[in-house]
């Protein structure tokens, strides 16, 4: 397995636009090399129970350059920001600073390069553990 001590955490402030004005939310992106294909977005990190979304690292990466995503998560560039839209019972659209998102992604790809996500993973052992 990959070394989880290489976890990447990037704090940021998301800006949410509402009819009453913009609101800032403490949030952070997290990347754990033990789950190499996924990133986590924790929203409301100052709360007892932040809202946590887990989605593909490639989705976030592609969303830097152009719109991507359907359904629950959509990501697209927006000037100097990245617009992240999350859909549940309602839509929540937030802006994250593009430079912070890029910095986060560079760090994740430094930890686990694209194409190397399964290096060091014993697929047979993982399957055996699921079947036992």
Foldseek 3Di string as FASTA:
>chain_A
DADQVLKDKFWFWKWWQDPVGIDIWTWIKIAGLVQLQKIKIWTRVVDPHTDIDIDGLVQLVVQLPAWDDDDQWIWHDDVQWIWIWGDDPHITIITTGSVSSVVRSVSSCVRANPPRSCPPPDVVVVVVVVVD
